[in-house]
Every structure is written in structure tokens, then in C-alpha cells.
Amino acid sequence: MRFTKMQGCGNDYLFVRGEAPEDAAELTARLSDRHRGVGSDGMIFIKPADGSDADFVMRIFNADGSEAKMCGNGIRCAGRYVFDRGHTDKTEIVFRTNAGLRRVNIRTEEGKFAGITADMGIVKVSEPFTFTAGEYNMEVIPVDAGSPHAVHFCERAESFPLDALRELSENCPRFSDKVNAEAVQVIDGNTLRMRVWERGSGLTLACGTGASASAAAAVAIGCCRYDTDIEVRADGGILTVRVMPDGRTLLGGEALFVFDGETL
């Protein structure tokens, strides 16, 4: 099996063109192991779509083998993958995901890839609740960004205890199937600092849906503004999010090739 490793702000995935095999969960868990496998936050399988509503179908598997509905860094990398590898000449590409149809727009310069933005759809922010992890009482804002998120605004993201973030992700009774959890610091009206614990992958360097959820939550509580670029600083780099008044959210950031490989 041939694969391509790509990353966006350090959020790395193994991409395979073709149908996800029956053992996709086991395969992903094995290859994602950073000591005994290739090392990644998961695998993404891409195939041409049947029908006129989408160009491609993508299935996303987390590092532990569980299947995800959506991945913001993954879909941007997927857009560059199919464009640069010649699988499409379109600069507006529609992917069918488990969260529904999602669109990416590629910017070119002299016919070559120069950047990509993903339309993350309507990001829905719900009413906050309180969750206790050890000695920490956290106000948590649930956000649906195609995948479930729990956003907690704190004074300093750098020093927020990771054990509390993991507890929120893995053991919050509000989320029966676990949740992606973010500790977010508001630096100013256009800048957020985010750390994220992804369900099925653990602490990751970045998360596209997490950045979208964090920005949408910040707008909802009045810390940031609609229709304005919000810089979300993750451990692995910077993502740019723009939340529109109707809740539609646009996500920009790097989408880089790492290497091609082949399993034996």
C-alpha cells in the first residue's frame, strides 16, 4: 500500500487514495504508532465520489483506529493532495465526509498551488456548563464543528494542566463518545492561544475543527468579532479562522507534504 504523509501545523496524517479497507481501524492504529509504525495523528482515505454532489469521498481515522466525522487540517491537506497529484484540476473541490459535504478553495499562482481555505460549514455553539476535573472547575462551551468539541477559556493555555484537559475529553458525561477538548486563552480580539486534546489521538500540535470551534466560541461570548480573521495559535503553528454572521466558518493554514512511503 502506497501512502503520503502530510501535515498542517504539525497535525499529521497518512493519506491513501482508494477505498478504506475492512481492517482500516487496525491498520491506522498500527501505522500511526510513532515508535513502531510510521507515526501520525491518523489516516485519511480518499476516493472519487459516485454522484454529482461531491468530487471525492474522504474517511478519517484517528490514531487509535476510531473513525472521525471531520478534520479541518486533514481536509485542507486532502485538497492539496488531489490537486498537486493531478487527480483533479478544479480549484474548488467538494469532499463528502461523515459530517456532510465540505468544500475547499485552492489559490494558485501561475497554475501552481499557493494556498487553501476550507469551508467548515455552520459551526454551532451551545450553552455552557460546568465540569469538574480534580481541583479544576471548568466552564465548558460545547461546539459542533462537524465533530464535537468542548472549549474552556482559561487565563493561560500554556500552563493549563493537561490531565484536566484529558479528563474533559475522555470522561465528561455530557459526551457519551468522548469529545475533543480545547484550553483557549484570549490574547486579544483577533488572537487566541489554543491547546487541544483530540479524542482518539491525545494531545496534538494542532486541530482544524478545534481552531474553528475555539474561534466560534470566542465570537459567541464577545471576545472576537464576526467576519474578521482570527489568528489561532496552536502548539504546531498558526491557523486562521473567520466566523461569518450565519455561523459558517472558514479555515486557513498550511498544508504540506512530508514524504511518500509504501508498506510491506
C-alpha atoms as a PDB file:
ATOM      1  CA  MET A   1       0.000   0.000   0.000  1.00  0.00           C
ATOM      2  CA  ARG A   2       1.361   3.377  -1.008  1.00  0.00           C
ATOM      3  CA  PHE A   3       0.705   6.372   1.230  1.00  0.00           C
ATOM      4  CA  THR A   4       1.622  10.030   1.511  1.00  0.00           C
ATOM      5  CA  LYS A   5       2.319  11.744   4.806  1.00  0.00           C
ATOM      6  CA  MET A   6       1.112  15.368   5.038  1.00  0.00           C
ATOM      7  CA  GLN A   7       0.768  17.843   7.868  1.00  0.00           C
ATOM      8  CA  GLY A   8      -0.867  21.130   8.741  1.00  0.00           C
ATOM      9  CA  CYS A   9       0.742  22.911  11.710  1.00  0.00           C
ATOM     10  CA  GLY A  10       2.143  19.576  12.859  1.00  0.00           C
ATOM     11  CA  ASN A  11      -1.249  17.813  12.735  1.00  0.00           C
ATOM     12  CA  ASP A  12      -0.084  14.907  10.540  1.00  0.00           C
ATOM     13  CA  TYR A  13      -1.966  12.235   8.623  1.00  0.00           C
ATOM     14  CA  LEU A  14      -1.212   9.373   6.267  1.00  0.00           C
ATOM     15  CA  PHE A  15      -3.188   9.742   3.020  1.00  0.00           C
ATOM     16  CA  VAL A  16      -4.167   6.822   0.827  1.00  0.00           C
ATOM     17  CA  ARG A  17      -6.009   7.120  -2.484  1.00  0.00           C
ATOM     18  CA  GLY A  18      -8.604   4.371  -2.560  1.00  0.00           C
ATOM     19  CA  GLU A  19     -11.308   2.640  -0.548  1.00  0.00           C
ATOM     20  CA  ALA A  20     -10.722   2.215   3.173  1.00  0.00           C
ATOM     21  CA  PRO A  21     -10.034  -1.499   3.771  1.00  0.00           C
ATOM     22  CA  GLU A  22     -12.040  -3.622   6.193  1.00  0.00           C
ATOM     23  CA  ASP A  23      -9.150  -3.515   8.643  1.00  0.00           C
ATOM     24  CA  ALA A  24      -8.768   0.284   8.411  1.00  0.00           C
ATOM     25  CA  ALA A  25      -9.070   0.707  12.183  1.00  0.00           C
ATOM     26  CA  GLU A  26      -6.332  -1.826  12.969  1.00  0.00           C
ATOM     27  CA  LEU A  27      -4.159  -0.571  10.115  1.00  0.00           C
ATOM     28  CA  THR A  28      -4.440   3.037  11.285  1.00  0.00           C
ATOM     29  CA  ALA A  29      -3.603   2.196  14.892  1.00  0.00           C
ATOM     30  CA  ARG A  30      -0.552   0.203  13.776  1.00  0.00           C
ATOM     31  CA  LEU A  31       0.840   2.725  11.296  1.00  0.00           C
ATOM     32  CA  SER A  32       0.080   5.751  13.491  1.00  0.00           C
ATOM     33  CA  ASP A  33       2.295   4.428  16.296  1.00  0.00           C
ATOM     34  CA  ARG A  34       5.217   6.871  16.483  1.00  0.00           C
ATOM     35  CA  HIS A  35       7.637   4.241  17.799  1.00  0.00           C
ATOM     36  CA  ARG A  36       6.644   1.067  15.951  1.00  0.00           C
ATOM     37  CA  GLY A  37       4.891   2.466  12.882  1.00  0.00           C
ATOM     38  CA  VAL A  38       5.144   5.473  10.593  1.00  0.00           C
ATOM     39  CA  GLY A  39       3.802   7.922  13.149  1.00  0.00           C
ATOM     40  CA  SER A  40       0.748  10.127  12.630  1.00  0.00           C
ATOM     41  CA  ASP A  41      -2.424  11.509  14.167  1.00  0.00           C
ATOM     42  CA  GLY A  42      -4.401   9.156  11.931  1.00  0.00           C
ATOM     43  CA  MET A  43      -5.126   8.052   8.366  1.00  0.00           C
ATOM     44  CA  ILE A  44      -7.328   9.519   5.642  1.00  0.00           C
ATOM     45  CA  PHE A  45      -8.616   7.508   2.689  1.00  0.00           C
ATOM     46  CA  ILE A  46      -9.721   9.388  -0.430  1.00  0.00           C
ATOM     47  CA  LYS A  47     -11.618   8.070  -3.448  1.00  0.00           C
ATOM     48  CA  PRO A  48     -13.585   9.645  -6.313  1.00  0.00           C
ATOM     49  CA  ALA A  49     -17.222  10.259  -5.397  1.00  0.00           C
ATOM     50  CA  ASP A  50     -20.117   8.442  -7.032  1.00  0.00           C
ATOM     51  CA  GLY A  51     -22.694  11.069  -8.000  1.00  0.00           C
ATOM     52  CA  SER A  52     -22.753  14.760  -8.728  1.00  0.00           C
ATOM     53  CA  ASP A  53     -22.851  16.237  -5.207  1.00  0.00           C
ATOM     54  CA  ALA A  54     -19.140  15.801  -4.464  1.00  0.00           C
ATOM     55  CA  ASP A  55     -15.807  15.324  -6.195  1.00  0.00           C
ATOM     56  CA  PHE A  56     -14.234  12.996  -3.632  1.00  0.00           C
ATOM     57  CA  VAL A  57     -15.137  10.947  -0.560  1.00  0.00           C
ATOM     58  CA  MET A  58     -12.836  11.037   2.447  1.00  0.00           C
ATOM     59  CA  ARG A  59     -12.867   8.796   5.512  1.00  0.00           C
ATOM     60  CA  ILE A  60     -10.859   9.849   8.536  1.00  0.00           C
ATOM     61  CA  PHE A  61      -9.473   7.518  11.208  1.00  0.00           C
ATOM     62  CA  ASN A  62      -7.907   8.714  14.451  1.00  0.00           C
ATOM     63  CA  ALA A  63      -4.611   7.339  15.733  1.00  0.00           C
ATOM     64  CA  ASP A  64      -6.407   4.772  17.920  1.00  0.00           C
ATOM     65  CA  GLY A  65      -8.419   3.485  14.940  1.00  0.00           C
ATOM     66  CA  SER A  66     -11.714   5.174  15.790  1.00  0.00           C
ATOM     67  CA  GLU A  67     -13.426   6.913  12.864  1.00  0.00           C
ATOM     68  CA  ALA A  68     -13.829  10.692  12.900  1.00  0.00           C
ATOM     69  CA  LYS A  69     -16.531  12.718  11.189  1.00  0.00           C
ATOM     70  CA  MET A  70     -14.440  15.675  10.108  1.00  0.00           C
ATOM     71  CA  CYS A  71     -10.888  17.043  10.193  1.00  0.00           C
ATOM     72  CA  GLY A  72     -10.034  20.635   9.281  1.00  0.00           C
ATOM     73  CA  ASN A  73      -6.293  20.171   8.785  1.00  0.00           C
ATOM     74  CA  GLY A  74      -6.968  16.855   7.079  1.00  0.00           C
ATOM     75  CA  ILE A  75      -9.382  18.254   4.506  1.00  0.00           C
ATOM     76  CA  ARG A  76      -7.009  21.091   3.593  1.00  0.00           C
ATOM     77  CA  CYS A  77      -4.207  18.583   3.086  1.00  0.00           C
ATOM     78  CA  ALA A  78      -6.591  16.370   1.130  1.00  0.00           C
ATOM     79  CA  GLY A  79      -7.427  19.273  -1.171  1.00  0.00           C
ATOM     80  CA  ARG A  80      -3.775  19.908  -1.915  1.00  0.00           C
ATOM     81  CA  TYR A  81      -3.134  16.173  -2.303  1.00  0.00           C
ATOM     82  CA  VAL A  82      -5.726  15.635  -5.060  1.00  0.00           C
ATOM     83  CA  PHE A  83      -4.770  18.904  -6.788  1.00  0.00           C
ATOM     84  CA  ASP A  84      -0.987  18.531  -6.741  1.00  0.00           C
ATOM     85  CA  ARG A  85      -1.098  14.829  -7.626  1.00  0.00           C
ATOM     86  CA  GLY A  86      -3.226  15.541 -10.684  1.00  0.00           C
ATOM     87  CA  HIS A  87      -6.426  13.814  -9.546  1.00  0.00           C
ATOM     88  CA  THR A  88      -8.373  16.997 -10.320  1.00  0.00           C
ATOM     89  CA  ASP A  89      -7.738  20.330 -11.992  1.00  0.00           C
ATOM     90  CA  LYS A  90     -10.506  22.054 -10.041  1.00  0.00           C
ATOM     91  CA  THR A  91      -9.620  24.797  -7.579  1.00  0.00           C
ATOM     92  CA  GLU A  92     -12.979  24.449  -5.800  1.00  0.00           C
ATOM     93  CA  ILE A  93     -13.269  20.869  -4.569  1.00  0.00           C
ATOM     94  CA  VAL A  94     -16.157  19.258  -2.681  1.00  0.00           C
ATOM     95  CA  PHE A  95     -15.496  16.361  -0.313  1.00  0.00           C
ATOM     96  CA  ARG A  96     -18.160  14.076   1.114  1.00  0.00           C
ATOM     97  CA  THR A  97     -17.319  13.427   4.782  1.00  0.00           C
ATOM     98  CA  ASN A  98     -19.131  11.758   7.657  1.00  0.00           C
ATOM     99  CA  ALA A  99     -20.118  15.282   8.721  1.00  0.00           C
ATOM    100  CA  GLY A 100     -21.635  16.044   5.304  1.00  0.00           C
ATOM    101  CA  LEU A 101     -20.350  17.928   2.277  1.00  0.00           C
ATOM    102  CA  ARG A 102     -17.371  20.220   2.818  1.00  0.00           C
ATOM    103  CA  ARG A 103     -15.702  22.498   0.280  1.00  0.00           C
ATOM    104  CA  VAL A 104     -12.108  23.677  -0.103  1.00  0.00           C
ATOM    105  CA  ASN A 105     -10.860  26.523  -2.279  1.00  0.00           C
ATOM    106  CA  ILE A 106      -7.342  26.445  -3.685  1.00  0.00           C
ATOM    107  CA  ARG A 107      -5.443  29.594  -4.529  1.00  0.00           C
ATOM    108  CA  THR A 108      -2.945  29.268  -7.362  1.00  0.00           C
ATOM    109  CA  GLU A 109      -0.098  31.348  -8.738  1.00  0.00           C
ATOM    110  CA  GLU A 110       0.933  30.621 -12.326  1.00  0.00           C
ATOM    111  CA  GLY A 111      -1.051  27.392 -12.173  1.00  0.00           C
ATOM    112  CA  LYS A 112       0.662  26.066  -9.043  1.00  0.00           C
ATOM    113  CA  PHE A 113      -0.713  25.590  -5.540  1.00  0.00           C
ATOM    114  CA  ALA A 114      -0.309  28.730  -3.400  1.00  0.00           C
ATOM    115  CA  GLY A 115      -2.749  28.232  -0.507  1.00  0.00           C
ATOM    116  CA  ILE A 116      -6.006  26.619   0.563  1.00  0.00           C
ATOM    117  CA  THR A 117      -9.064  27.514   2.652  1.00  0.00           C
ATOM    118  CA  ALA A 118     -11.685  25.087   3.906  1.00  0.00           C
ATOM    119  CA  ASP A 119     -15.353  25.965   4.340  1.00  0.00           C
ATOM    120  CA  MET A 120     -16.143  24.209   7.603  1.00  0.00           C
ATOM    121  CA  GLY A 121     -19.896  24.718   7.271  1.00  0.00           C
ATOM    122  CA  ILE A 122     -22.096  26.003  10.086  1.00  0.00           C
ATOM    123  CA  VAL A 123     -20.308  25.761  13.433  1.00  0.00           C
ATOM    124  CA  LYS A 124     -22.875  25.578  16.235  1.00  0.00           C
ATOM    125  CA  VAL A 125     -22.158  26.943  19.721  1.00  0.00           C
ATOM    126  CA  SER A 126     -24.304  25.720  22.634  1.00  0.00           C
ATOM    127  CA  GLU A 127     -24.913  26.906  26.202  1.00  0.00           C
ATOM    128  CA  PRO A 128     -22.007  26.430  28.649  1.00  0.00           C
ATOM    129  CA  PHE A 129     -21.931  24.022  31.561  1.00  0.00           C
ATOM    130  CA  THR A 130     -19.568  23.288  34.437  1.00  0.00           C
ATOM    131  CA  PHE A 131     -17.271  20.275  34.543  1.00  0.00           C
ATOM    132  CA  THR A 132     -15.003  19.350  37.441  1.00  0.00           C
ATOM    133  CA  ALA A 133     -11.674  17.630  36.858  1.00  0.00           C
ATOM    134  CA  GLY A 134      -9.811  17.140  40.113  1.00  0.00           C
ATOM    135  CA  GLU A 135      -9.433  20.602  41.685  1.00  0.00           C
ATOM    136  CA  TYR A 136     -10.447  22.414  38.500  1.00  0.00           C
ATOM    137  CA  ASN A 137     -13.989  23.632  37.957  1.00  0.00           C
ATOM    138  CA  MET A 138     -14.208  24.459  34.278  1.00  0.00           C
ATOM    139  CA  GLU A 139     -16.868  26.359  32.400  1.00  0.00           C
ATOM    140  CA  VAL A 140     -17.160  24.425  29.160  1.00  0.00           C
ATOM    141  CA  ILE A 141     -18.770  25.576  25.911  1.00  0.00           C
ATOM    142  CA  PRO A 142     -19.966  22.730  23.671  1.00  0.00           C
ATOM    143  CA  VAL A 143     -19.387  23.379  19.967  1.00  0.00           C
ATOM    144  CA  ASP A 144     -20.352  21.288  16.953  1.00  0.00           C
ATOM    145  CA  ALA A 145     -17.757  21.868  14.218  1.00  0.00           C
ATOM    146  CA  GLY A 146     -18.625  18.730  12.274  1.00  0.00           C
ATOM    147  CA  SER A 147     -17.080  16.865  15.202  1.00  0.00           C
ATOM    148  CA  PRO A 148     -17.885  17.548  18.865  1.00  0.00           C
ATOM    149  CA  HIS A 149     -15.754  19.978  20.849  1.00  0.00           C
ATOM    150  CA  ALA A 150     -15.627  21.242  24.436  1.00  0.00           C
ATOM    151  CA  VAL A 151     -13.978  24.665  24.697  1.00  0.00           C
ATOM    152  CA  HIS A 152     -12.696  26.021  28.012  1.00  0.00           C
ATOM    153  CA  PHE A 153     -11.398  29.592  28.215  1.00  0.00           C
ATOM    154  CA  CYS A 154      -8.527  29.941  30.682  1.00  0.00           C
ATOM    155  CA  GLU A 155      -6.066  32.595  31.817  1.00  0.00           C
ATOM    156  CA  ARG A 156      -3.021  30.880  30.327  1.00  0.00           C
ATOM    157  CA  ALA A 157      -3.232  27.983  27.868  1.00  0.00           C
ATOM    158  CA  GLU A 158       0.481  27.172  28.145  1.00  0.00           C
ATOM    159  CA  SER A 159       0.210  26.214  31.791  1.00  0.00           C
ATOM    160  CA  PHE A 160      -3.275  24.689  31.790  1.00  0.00           C
ATOM    161  CA  PRO A 161      -2.990  21.156  33.257  1.00  0.00           C
ATOM    162  CA  LEU A 162      -3.132  18.529  30.517  1.00  0.00           C
ATOM    163  CA  ASP A 163      -4.604  15.984  32.939  1.00  0.00           C
ATOM    164  CA  ALA A 164      -7.693  18.187  33.296  1.00  0.00           C
ATOM    165  CA  LEU A 165      -7.937  18.576  29.521  1.00  0.00           C
ATOM    166  CA  ARG A 166      -7.681  14.815  29.048  1.00  0.00           C
ATOM    167  CA  GLU A 167     -10.296  14.227  31.748  1.00  0.00           C
ATOM    168  CA  LEU A 168     -12.662  16.588  29.949  1.00  0.00           C
ATOM    169  CA  SER A 169     -12.020  14.817  26.655  1.00  0.00           C
ATOM    170  CA  GLU A 170     -12.362  11.258  27.873  1.00  0.00           C
ATOM    171  CA  ASN A 171     -14.719  11.295  30.863  1.00  0.00           C
ATOM    172  CA  CYS A 172     -17.206  14.158  30.566  1.00  0.00           C
ATOM    173  CA  PRO A 173     -20.722  12.653  30.992  1.00  0.00           C
ATOM    174  CA  ARG A 174     -22.159  15.176  28.500  1.00  0.00           C
ATOM    175  CA  PHE A 175     -20.342  13.334  25.708  1.00  0.00           C
ATOM    176  CA  SER A 176     -21.012   9.606  25.606  1.00  0.00           C
ATOM    177  CA  ASP A 177     -18.482   9.040  22.794  1.00  0.00           C
ATOM    178  CA  LYS A 178     -15.765  11.321  24.231  1.00  0.00           C
ATOM    179  CA  VAL A 179     -15.043  14.808  22.897  1.00  0.00           C
ATOM    180  CA  ASN A 180     -12.255  16.969  21.505  1.00  0.00           C
ATOM    181  CA  ALA A 181     -11.230  19.355  24.287  1.00  0.00           C
ATOM    182  CA  GLU A 182      -9.598  22.779  23.971  1.00  0.00           C
ATOM    183  CA  ALA A 183      -7.977  25.063  26.532  1.00  0.00           C
ATOM    184  CA  VAL A 184      -8.112  28.541  24.988  1.00  0.00           C
ATOM    185  CA  GLN A 185      -6.545  31.824  26.064  1.00  0.00           C
ATOM    186  CA  VAL A 186      -7.805  35.105  24.607  1.00  0.00           C
ATOM    187  CA  ILE A 187      -4.730  37.192  23.807  1.00  0.00           C
ATOM    188  CA  ASP A 188      -6.678  39.987  22.120  1.00  0.00           C
ATOM    189  CA  GLY A 189      -9.730  40.489  19.914  1.00  0.00           C
ATOM    190  CA  ASN A 190      -8.010  38.881  16.939  1.00  0.00           C
ATOM    191  CA  THR A 191      -5.725  36.315  18.568  1.00  0.00           C
ATOM    192  CA  LEU A 192      -6.288  33.095  20.518  1.00  0.00           C
ATOM    193  CA  ARG A 193      -3.841  30.596  22.019  1.00  0.00           C
ATOM    194  CA  MET A 194      -5.167  27.033  21.891  1.00  0.00           C
ATOM    195  CA  ARG A 195      -4.076  23.668  23.201  1.00  0.00           C
ATOM    196  CA  VAL A 196      -6.097  20.646  22.204  1.00  0.00           C
ATOM    197  CA  TRP A 197      -6.642  17.077  23.342  1.00  0.00           C
ATOM    198  CA  GLU A 198      -8.237  15.167  20.465  1.00  0.00           C
ATOM    199  CA  ARG A 199     -10.390  12.163  21.171  1.00  0.00           C
ATOM    200  CA  GLY A 200      -8.731   9.098  19.739  1.00  0.00           C
ATOM    201  CA  SER A 201      -5.375  10.848  19.232  1.00  0.00           C
ATOM    202  CA  GLY A 202      -4.498  12.593  22.505  1.00  0.00           C
ATOM    203  CA  LEU A 203      -2.519  15.834  22.652  1.00  0.00           C
ATOM    204  CA  THR A 204      -1.941  17.078  19.103  1.00  0.00           C
ATOM    205  CA  LEU A 205       0.071  20.000  17.767  1.00  0.00           C
ATOM    206  CA  ALA A 206      -2.990  21.490  16.070  1.00  0.00           C
ATOM    207  CA  CYS A 207      -6.619  20.782  15.222  1.00  0.00           C
ATOM    208  CA  GLY A 208      -8.552  22.470  12.429  1.00  0.00           C
ATOM    209  CA  THR A 209     -12.015  21.751  13.773  1.00  0.00           C
ATOM    210  CA  GLY A 210     -10.704  22.716  17.228  1.00  0.00           C
ATOM    211  CA  ALA A 211      -9.477  26.070  15.946  1.00  0.00           C
ATOM    212  CA  SER A 212     -12.854  26.610  14.258  1.00  0.00           C
ATOM    213  CA  ALA A 213     -14.714  25.674  17.444  1.00  0.00           C
ATOM    214  CA  SER A 214     -12.483  27.905  19.597  1.00  0.00           C
ATOM    215  CA  ALA A 215     -12.948  30.912  17.320  1.00  0.00           C
ATOM    216  CA  ALA A 216     -16.708  30.383  17.086  1.00  0.00           C
ATOM    217  CA  ALA A 217     -16.961  30.151  20.886  1.00  0.00           C
ATOM    218  CA  ALA A 218     -14.845  33.317  21.272  1.00  0.00           C
ATOM    219  CA  VAL A 219     -17.163  35.171  18.904  1.00  0.00           C
ATOM    220  CA  ALA A 220     -20.234  33.854  20.724  1.00  0.00           C
ATOM    221  CA  ILE A 221     -19.058  35.228  24.106  1.00  0.00           C
ATOM    222  CA  GLY A 222     -17.968  38.555  22.606  1.00  0.00           C
ATOM    223  CA  CYS A 223     -14.187  38.175  22.779  1.00  0.00           C
ATOM    224  CA  CYS A 224     -13.770  38.215  18.985  1.00  0.00           C
ATOM    225  CA  ARG A 225     -15.825  39.596  16.096  1.00  0.00           C
ATOM    226  CA  TYR A 226     -17.727  38.110  13.187  1.00  0.00           C
ATOM    227  CA  ASP A 227     -16.315  38.366   9.657  1.00  0.00           C
ATOM    228  CA  THR A 228     -12.803  39.080  10.928  1.00  0.00           C
ATOM    229  CA  ASP A 229      -9.672  36.946  10.606  1.00  0.00           C
ATOM    230  CA  ILE A 230      -8.892  35.349  13.969  1.00  0.00           C
ATOM    231  CA  GLU A 231      -5.380  34.004  14.472  1.00  0.00           C
ATOM    232  CA  VAL A 232      -5.455  30.739  16.431  1.00  0.00           C
ATOM    233  CA  ARG A 233      -2.006  29.837  17.754  1.00  0.00           C
ATOM    234  CA  ALA A 234      -1.678  26.094  18.268  1.00  0.00           C
ATOM    235  CA  ASP A 235       1.389  24.225  19.527  1.00  0.00           C
ATOM    236  CA  GLY A 236       2.425  23.454  15.951  1.00  0.00           C
ATOM    237  CA  GLY A 237       1.662  26.726  14.204  1.00  0.00           C
ATOM    238  CA  ILE A 238      -0.978  29.279  13.300  1.00  0.00           C
ATOM    239  CA  LEU A 239      -4.419  28.691  11.819  1.00  0.00           C
ATOM    240  CA  THR A 240      -6.660  31.486  10.580  1.00  0.00           C
ATOM    241  CA  VAL A 241     -10.412  31.342  11.198  1.00  0.00           C
ATOM    242  CA  ARG A 242     -13.161  33.642  10.001  1.00  0.00           C
ATOM    243  CA  VAL A 243     -16.634  33.204  11.515  1.00  0.00           C
ATOM    244  CA  MET A 244     -19.434  34.606   9.389  1.00  0.00           C
ATOM    245  CA  PRO A 245     -22.656  36.055  10.896  1.00  0.00           C
ATOM    246  CA  ASP A 246     -24.636  32.970   9.795  1.00  0.00           C
ATOM    247  CA  GLY A 247     -22.201  30.669  11.637  1.00  0.00           C
ATOM    248  CA  ARG A 248     -20.380  29.493   8.511  1.00  0.00           C
ATOM    249  CA  THR A 249     -16.687  29.236   9.325  1.00  0.00           C
ATOM    250  CA  LEU A 250     -13.650  29.450   7.037  1.00  0.00           C
ATOM    251  CA  LEU A 251     -10.344  27.827   7.999  1.00  0.00           C
ATOM    252  CA  GLY A 252      -6.957  28.678   6.514  1.00  0.00           C
ATOM    253  CA  GLY A 253      -3.471  27.380   7.219  1.00  0.00           C
ATOM    254  CA  GLU A 254      -0.596  25.387   5.828  1.00  0.00           C
ATOM    255  CA  ALA A 255      -0.977  22.038   4.050  1.00  0.00           C
ATOM    256  CA  LEU A 256       2.443  20.482   3.481  1.00  0.00           C
ATOM    257  CA  PHE A 257       3.808  17.238   2.045  1.00  0.00           C
ATOM    258  CA  VAL A 258       6.227  15.324   4.271  1.00  0.00           C
ATOM    259  CA  PHE A 259       7.074  12.168   2.318  1.00  0.00           C
ATOM    260  CA  ASP A 260       5.721   9.258   0.293  1.00  0.00           C
ATOM    261  CA  GLY A 261       6.004   5.709   1.564  1.00  0.00           C
ATOM    262  CA  GLU A 262       4.971   2.110   0.987  1.00  0.00           C
ATOM    263  CA  THR A 263       4.006  -0.573   3.469  1.00  0.00           C
ATOM    264  CA  LEU A 264       5.412  -4.071   3.093  1.00  0.00           C
END
